[in-house]
Amino acid sequence: MATGPLEIDPAVALRTERDALVRRCAAAEAQVADLTADLAEAHARLAAYQAAQEAQDAADSGSLSFFDGSTTSVDRLTGDGSDPRVLSMVLGSTAVVAGMVTLLTLLNGKLASPFGLIMIALTIGLAWGAANARVVPVEISVVRGMVYIQQGESSYRFDLRKPETAVDLVGRPGDANWTVHFGRRGLDPFVVDASMVDAVEFTRQLREHRPDL
């Protein structure tokens, strides 16, 4: 009686490996389909959020005051009517989906394949884009000649009544390049643009104390 190891038919082994690979691919495709559906749902929620935010901004625009002591924040839409926060949220959600696909590629042993390398680069690129597109809330108010700026955890104060406070106005309200530069010792100027304030009213407030602007 033969006691050595049984020979395995190469054809049977190939079919077994093929069947296992087909099962893994089917499972991966199902998970990718689920992630794609989740991404579509996330995009729909973002669109609904943007529409609700636009409606809220439109409702608030009639009651906003820009006299001394008023405050405006970066919740305002940009000049083209878009919400700057949506881009970061979309990139972030897409990066999560790309990361899940990359994980599935790793589990299937295909991470070193061209597709796997592309997914790694895509995930990193989307995550980097989401981080850089993130909008830090900014609140700006003018009270008795003092400009108060709150940006996230940082706060700044500029006294328009003091001649040594450097204030430079670039462009005119309504121009695409309109900005106001507040000088800071040893640091780059703090730049206020039209996405942070109402350019016309903010310029008027500044000129009350700096008529030369």
Protein backbone atom coordinates (compact mmCIF):
# COMPACT_ATOMS: atom_id res chain seq x y z
CA MET A 1 0.00 0.00 0.00
CA ALA A 2 1.37 3.45 -0.94
CA THR A 3 2.08 5.62 2.08
CA GLY A 4 3.49 8.74 0.31
CA PRO A 5 1.60 12.01 -0.14
CA LEU A 6 -1.27 11.91 -2.58
CA GLU A 7 -0.68 13.78 -5.80
CA ILE A 8 -3.11 16.63 -6.38
CA ASP A 9 -4.40 17.08 -9.86
CA PRO A 10 -3.07 20.49 -11.09
CA ALA A 11 -6.35 21.10 -12.87
CA VAL A 12 -8.30 20.56 -9.66
CA ALA A 13 -5.96 22.87 -7.74
CA LEU A 14 -6.34 25.61 -10.35
CA ARG A 15 -10.12 25.29 -10.29
CA THR A 16 -10.14 25.50 -6.51
CA GLU A 17 -7.95 28.60 -6.52
CA ARG A 18 -10.07 30.12 -9.27
CA ASP A 19 -13.28 29.50 -7.36
CA ALA A 20 -11.82 31.03 -4.20
CA LEU A 21 -10.68 34.08 -6.15
CA VAL A 22 -14.11 34.44 -7.74
CA ARG A 23 -15.74 34.34 -4.32
CA ARG A 24 -13.36 37.00 -2.95
CA CYS A 25 -13.94 39.22 -5.99
CA ALA A 26 -17.70 38.85 -5.66
CA ALA A 27 -17.53 39.78 -1.98
CA ALA A 28 -15.31 42.77 -2.77
CA GLU A 29 -17.65 43.93 -5.53
CA ALA A 30 -20.62 43.68 -3.18
CA GLN A 31 -18.84 45.75 -0.55
CA VAL A 32 -17.79 48.33 -3.15
CA ALA A 33 -21.41 48.54 -4.32
CA ASP A 34 -22.53 49.11 -0.74
CA LEU A 35 -19.87 51.82 -0.27
CA THR A 36 -20.89 53.47 -3.54
CA ALA A 37 -24.50 53.55 -2.35
CA ASP A 38 -23.37 55.06 0.95
CA LEU A 39 -21.39 57.70 -0.93
CA ALA A 40 -24.40 58.57 -3.08
CA GLU A 41 -26.49 58.92 0.07
CA ALA A 42 -23.82 61.13 1.63
CA HIS A 43 -23.79 63.36 -1.46
CA ALA A 44 -27.59 63.62 -1.30
CA ARG A 45 -27.40 64.62 2.35
CA LEU A 46 -24.75 67.22 1.56
CA ALA A 47 -26.92 68.64 -1.22
CA ALA A 48 -29.87 68.84 1.17
CA TYR A 49 -27.66 70.47 3.80
CA GLN A 50 -26.40 73.05 1.32
CA ALA A 51 -29.94 73.85 0.19
CA ALA A 52 -31.06 74.26 3.80
CA GLN A 53 -28.03 76.45 4.57
CA GLU A 54 -28.71 78.66 1.54
CA ALA A 55 -32.32 79.06 2.64
CA GLN A 56 -31.18 79.94 6.17
CA ASP A 57 -28.63 82.45 4.86
CA ALA A 58 -31.30 84.03 2.66
CA ALA A 59 -33.61 84.32 5.64
CA ASP A 60 -30.88 85.79 7.84
CA SER A 61 -29.66 88.28 5.24
CA GLY A 62 -32.62 90.55 5.83
CA SER A 63 -31.91 90.81 9.55
CA LEU A 64 -28.12 91.08 9.60
CA SER A 65 -26.71 94.33 10.87
CA PHE A 66 -23.30 95.68 9.97
CA PHE A 67 -23.18 98.65 12.30
CA ASP A 68 -20.56 98.88 15.03
CA GLY A 69 -20.76 95.85 17.24
CA SER A 70 -22.12 93.62 14.50
CA THR A 71 -20.57 90.26 13.77
CA THR A 72 -20.30 88.33 10.55
CA SER A 73 -18.86 84.86 10.09
CA VAL A 74 -17.62 82.58 7.35
CA ASP A 75 -21.06 80.92 7.19
CA ARG A 76 -21.72 83.40 4.39
CA LEU A 77 -21.56 81.92 0.90
CA THR A 78 -18.69 82.72 -1.40
CA GLY A 79 -19.08 85.05 -4.33
CA ASP A 80 -20.16 82.30 -6.73
CA GLY A 81 -23.01 81.23 -4.46
CA SER A 82 -21.40 78.02 -3.23
CA ASP A 83 -20.87 76.90 0.33
CA PRO A 84 -17.10 76.50 0.91
CA ARG A 85 -17.68 73.78 3.54
CA VAL A 86 -19.31 71.37 1.09
CA LEU A 87 -16.09 70.69 -0.86
CA SER A 88 -14.24 69.51 2.23
CA MET A 89 -17.14 67.26 3.26
CA VAL A 90 -17.43 65.71 -0.21
CA LEU A 91 -13.68 65.11 -0.44
CA GLY A 92 -13.67 63.60 3.04
CA SER A 93 -16.53 61.19 2.34
CA THR A 94 -14.97 60.18 -0.98
CA ALA A 95 -11.62 59.60 0.76
CA VAL A 96 -13.35 57.22 3.19
CA VAL A 97 -14.82 55.22 0.31
CA ALA A 98 -11.46 55.14 -1.48
CA GLY A 99 -9.82 53.97 1.75
CA MET A 100 -12.31 51.11 2.08
CA VAL A 101 -11.66 50.03 -1.50
CA THR A 102 -7.92 50.14 -0.78
CA LEU A 103 -8.48 47.96 2.29
CA LEU A 104 -10.40 45.43 0.21
CA THR A 105 -7.56 45.44 -2.31
CA LEU A 106 -5.14 44.70 0.53
CA LEU A 107 -7.29 41.84 1.81
CA ASN A 108 -7.37 40.34 -1.68
CA GLY A 109 -3.58 40.49 -1.90
CA LYS A 110 -3.64 42.96 -4.80
CA LEU A 111 -2.25 46.04 -3.03
CA ALA A 112 0.94 45.97 -5.11
CA SER A 113 -1.01 45.80 -8.36
CA PRO A 114 -1.46 48.93 -10.53
CA PHE A 115 -5.05 49.24 -9.29
CA GLY A 116 -3.94 48.98 -5.67
CA LEU A 117 -1.24 51.62 -6.12
CA ILE A 118 -3.73 53.94 -7.83
CA MET A 119 -6.19 53.52 -4.95
CA ILE A 120 -3.47 54.29 -2.39
CA ALA A 121 -2.53 57.48 -4.23
CA LEU A 122 -6.21 58.42 -4.67
CA THR A 123 -6.98 57.90 -0.98
CA ILE A 124 -3.99 60.00 0.12
CA GLY A 125 -4.81 62.73 -2.41
CA LEU A 126 -8.46 62.94 -1.37
CA ALA A 127 -7.57 63.01 2.33
CA TRP A 128 -5.00 65.77 1.71
CA GLY A 129 -7.52 67.76 -0.34
CA ALA A 130 -10.20 67.42 2.35
CA ALA A 131 -7.78 68.62 5.04
CA ASN A 132 -6.70 71.63 2.99
CA ALA A 133 -10.25 72.53 1.92
CA ARG A 134 -11.49 72.56 5.49
CA VAL A 135 -12.93 75.94 6.41
CA VAL A 136 -12.01 77.35 9.82
CA PRO A 137 -14.90 79.45 11.20
CA VAL A 138 -14.09 83.17 11.23
CA GLU A 139 -16.02 85.87 13.08
CA ILE A 140 -15.22 89.56 12.57
CA SER A 141 -16.70 92.51 14.42
CA VAL A 142 -15.97 96.23 14.57
CA VAL A 143 -16.64 97.95 17.90
CA ARG A 144 -15.71 101.59 18.47
CA GLY A 145 -12.74 101.51 16.15
CA MET A 146 -11.52 98.09 17.28
CA VAL A 147 -11.54 95.20 14.81
CA TYR A 148 -12.01 91.86 16.59
CA ILE A 149 -11.29 88.65 14.68
CA GLN A 150 -11.93 85.15 15.98
CA GLN A 151 -10.59 82.34 13.79
CA GLY A 152 -11.03 78.94 15.37
CA GLU A 153 -9.03 79.00 18.60
CA SER A 154 -7.07 82.12 17.61
CA SER A 155 -8.18 85.69 18.22
CA TYR A 156 -6.80 88.98 16.90
CA ARG A 157 -7.47 92.63 17.68
CA PHE A 158 -6.57 95.68 15.61
CA ASP A 159 -7.05 99.26 16.81
CA LEU A 160 -8.02 101.45 13.85
CA ARG A 161 -7.65 104.56 16.02
CA LYS A 162 -3.90 104.10 16.33
CA PRO A 163 -1.89 105.39 13.36
CA GLU A 164 0.71 102.65 13.84
CA THR A 165 -1.87 99.94 13.11
CA ALA A 166 -1.11 98.99 9.50
CA VAL A 167 -4.23 98.56 7.37
CA ASP A 168 -4.03 98.12 3.59
CA LEU A 169 -7.06 97.95 1.31
CA VAL A 170 -6.59 96.07 -1.97
CA GLY A 171 -9.14 96.59 -4.74
CA ARG A 172 -12.64 97.96 -4.40
CA PRO A 173 -15.71 96.30 -2.86
CA GLY A 174 -17.19 94.02 -5.48
CA ASP A 175 -13.85 93.25 -7.12
CA ALA A 176 -12.74 89.62 -7.12
CA ASN A 177 -9.40 90.58 -5.56
CA TRP A 178 -10.85 92.78 -2.80
CA THR A 179 -8.98 92.18 0.46
CA VAL A 180 -7.99 94.04 3.61
CA HIS A 181 -4.55 93.38 5.11
CA PHE A 182 -3.97 93.99 8.82
CA GLY A 183 -0.28 94.18 9.70
CA ARG A 184 1.14 92.02 12.51
CA ARG A 185 4.59 92.43 13.99
CA GLY A 186 6.89 89.61 12.96
CA LEU A 187 4.06 87.76 11.19
CA ASP A 188 2.37 87.82 7.84
CA PRO A 189 -0.57 90.22 7.60
CA PHE A 190 -4.00 88.90 8.49
CA VAL A 191 -6.07 88.98 5.30
CA VAL A 192 -9.82 89.56 5.27
CA ASP A 193 -11.63 88.77 2.03
CA ALA A 194 -15.19 88.87 0.72
CA SER A 195 -15.93 85.34 1.97
CA MET A 196 -15.58 86.58 5.55
CA VAL A 197 -17.48 89.89 5.53
CA ASP A 198 -19.72 92.07 3.43
CA ALA A 199 -17.09 94.00 1.49
CA VAL A 200 -19.13 97.20 1.10
CA GLU A 201 -20.19 97.51 4.73
CA PHE A 202 -16.83 96.44 6.13
CA THR A 203 -15.05 99.02 3.96
CA ARG A 204 -17.49 101.68 5.15
CA GLN A 205 -16.79 100.77 8.77
CA LEU A 206 -13.05 100.96 8.23
CA ARG A 207 -13.28 104.34 6.51
CA GLU A 208 -15.14 105.78 9.47
CA HIS A 209 -11.83 105.58 11.33
CA ARG A 210 -9.44 105.47 8.36
CA PRO A 211 -10.81 107.92 5.74
CA ASP A 212 -7.65 107.51 3.68
CA LEU A 213 -8.44 103.90 2.75
